[in-house]
Amino acid sequence: MLDVKYNIKGLISSIYECQKKIIINRRFIRELEEEGGDSRQLLKENLELERKISEYQKELRKKYQFSY
């Protein structure tokens, strides 16, 4: 049971980290667009981070379902 709780906390932490990176990237994207810079790489990174969040959420639901 402790192992499941540890894994759940780890997944939640991973989701938060991805969300923080997305927020930071959005700020950089906004600045780049104002300056006329290329923001494609950051947009790709955000898509990848959103995909990771989705995977973490699926895994979290699966583990949470079996922890009770």
C-alpha atoms as a PDB file:
ATOM      1  CA  MET A   1       0.000   0.000   0.000  1.00  0.00           C
ATOM      2  CA  LEU A   2       2.831   2.400   0.793  1.00  0.00           C
ATOM      3  CA  ASP A   3       4.401   1.661  -2.576  1.00  0.00           C
ATOM      4  CA  VAL A   4       1.173   2.607  -4.375  1.00  0.00           C
ATOM      5  CA  LYS A   5       0.917   5.868  -2.410  1.00  0.00           C
ATOM      6  CA  TYR A   6       4.546   6.677  -3.228  1.00  0.00           C
ATOM      7  CA  ASN A   7       3.904   6.054  -6.927  1.00  0.00           C
ATOM      8  CA  ILE A   8       0.772   8.205  -6.844  1.00  0.00           C
ATOM      9  CA  LYS A   9       2.688  11.069  -5.239  1.00  0.00           C
ATOM     10  CA  GLY A  10       5.411  10.693  -7.845  1.00  0.00           C
ATOM     11  CA  LEU A  11       2.892  10.840 -10.682  1.00  0.00           C
ATOM     12  CA  ILE A  12       1.262  13.937  -9.220  1.00  0.00           C
ATOM     13  CA  SER A  13       4.669  15.590  -8.872  1.00  0.00           C
ATOM     14  CA  SER A  14       5.467  14.756 -12.496  1.00  0.00           C
ATOM     15  CA  ILE A  15       2.192  16.321 -13.634  1.00  0.00           C
ATOM     16  CA  TYR A  16       2.937  19.506 -11.675  1.00  0.00           C
ATOM     17  CA  GLU A  17       6.441  19.710 -13.140  1.00  0.00           C
ATOM     18  CA  CYS A  18       5.089  19.393 -16.671  1.00  0.00           C
ATOM     19  CA  GLN A  19       2.477  22.057 -15.964  1.00  0.00           C
ATOM     20  CA  LYS A  20       5.138  24.430 -14.642  1.00  0.00           C
ATOM     21  CA  LYS A  21       7.235  23.917 -17.785  1.00  0.00           C
ATOM     22  CA  ILE A  22       4.213  24.590 -19.986  1.00  0.00           C
ATOM     23  CA  ILE A  23       3.508  27.867 -18.176  1.00  0.00           C
ATOM     24  CA  ILE A  24       7.136  28.977 -18.530  1.00  0.00           C
ATOM     25  CA  ASN A  25       7.165  28.005 -22.214  1.00  0.00           C
ATOM     26  CA  ARG A  26       3.977  29.991 -22.839  1.00  0.00           C
ATOM     27  CA  ARG A  27       5.647  33.088 -21.418  1.00  0.00           C
ATOM     28  CA  PHE A  28       8.665  32.572 -23.679  1.00  0.00           C
ATOM     29  CA  ILE A  29       6.388  31.939 -26.673  1.00  0.00           C
ATOM     30  CA  ARG A  30       4.540  35.196 -26.009  1.00  0.00           C
ATOM     31  CA  GLU A  31       7.851  37.093 -25.813  1.00  0.00           C
ATOM     32  CA  LEU A  32       9.197  35.452 -28.961  1.00  0.00           C
ATOM     33  CA  GLU A  33       6.031  36.237 -30.894  1.00  0.00           C
ATOM     34  CA  GLU A  34       6.178  39.875 -29.787  1.00  0.00           C
ATOM     35  CA  GLU A  35       9.768  40.065 -31.050  1.00  0.00           C
ATOM     36  CA  GLY A  36       8.940  38.158 -34.233  1.00  0.00           C
ATOM     37  CA  GLY A  37      10.970  35.104 -33.222  1.00  0.00           C
ATOM     38  CA  ASP A  38      10.409  31.444 -34.013  1.00  0.00           C
ATOM     39  CA  SER A  39       8.421  29.656 -31.310  1.00  0.00           C
ATOM     40  CA  ARG A  40       7.869  26.324 -33.085  1.00  0.00           C
ATOM     41  CA  GLN A  41      10.281  24.406 -30.881  1.00  0.00           C
ATOM     42  CA  LEU A  42       8.571  25.592 -27.698  1.00  0.00           C
ATOM     43  CA  LEU A  43       5.152  24.800 -29.144  1.00  0.00           C
ATOM     44  CA  LYS A  44       6.344  21.262 -29.950  1.00  0.00           C
ATOM     45  CA  GLU A  45       7.727  20.925 -26.434  1.00  0.00           C
ATOM     46  CA  ASN A  46       4.381  22.015 -24.970  1.00  0.00           C
ATOM     47  CA  LEU A  47       2.549  19.418 -27.056  1.00  0.00           C
ATOM     48  CA  GLU A  48       4.936  16.744 -25.804  1.00  0.00           C
ATOM     49  CA  LEU A  49       4.468  17.891 -22.206  1.00  0.00           C
ATOM     50  CA  GLU A  50       0.684  17.813 -22.613  1.00  0.00           C
ATOM     51  CA  ARG A  51       0.959  14.268 -23.986  1.00  0.00           C
ATOM     52  CA  LYS A  52       3.046  13.256 -20.970  1.00  0.00           C
ATOM     53  CA  ILE A  53       0.477  14.792 -18.621  1.00  0.00           C
ATOM     54  CA  SER A  54      -2.240  12.764 -20.324  1.00  0.00           C
ATOM     55  CA  GLU A  55      -0.212   9.559 -19.878  1.00  0.00           C
ATOM     56  CA  TYR A  56       0.492  10.356 -16.232  1.00  0.00           C
ATOM     57  CA  GLN A  57      -3.206  11.019 -15.632  1.00  0.00           C
ATOM     58  CA  LYS A  58      -4.185   7.689 -17.202  1.00  0.00           C
ATOM     59  CA  GLU A  59      -1.641   5.864 -15.067  1.00  0.00           C
ATOM     60  CA  LEU A  60      -2.776   7.787 -11.998  1.00  0.00           C
ATOM     61  CA  ARG A  61      -6.407   6.805 -12.574  1.00  0.00           C
ATOM     62  CA  LYS A  62      -5.393   3.176 -12.957  1.00  0.00           C
ATOM     63  CA  LYS A  63      -3.303   3.134  -9.778  1.00  0.00           C
ATOM     64  CA  TYR A  64      -5.866   5.131  -7.799  1.00  0.00           C
ATOM     65  CA  GLN A  65      -8.588   2.717  -8.824  1.00  0.00           C
ATOM     66  CA  PHE A  66      -6.676  -0.231  -7.351  1.00  0.00           C
ATOM     67  CA  SER A  67      -5.461   1.513  -4.202  1.00  0.00           C
ATOM     68  CA  TYR A  68      -8.864   1.422  -2.520  1.00  0.00           C
END
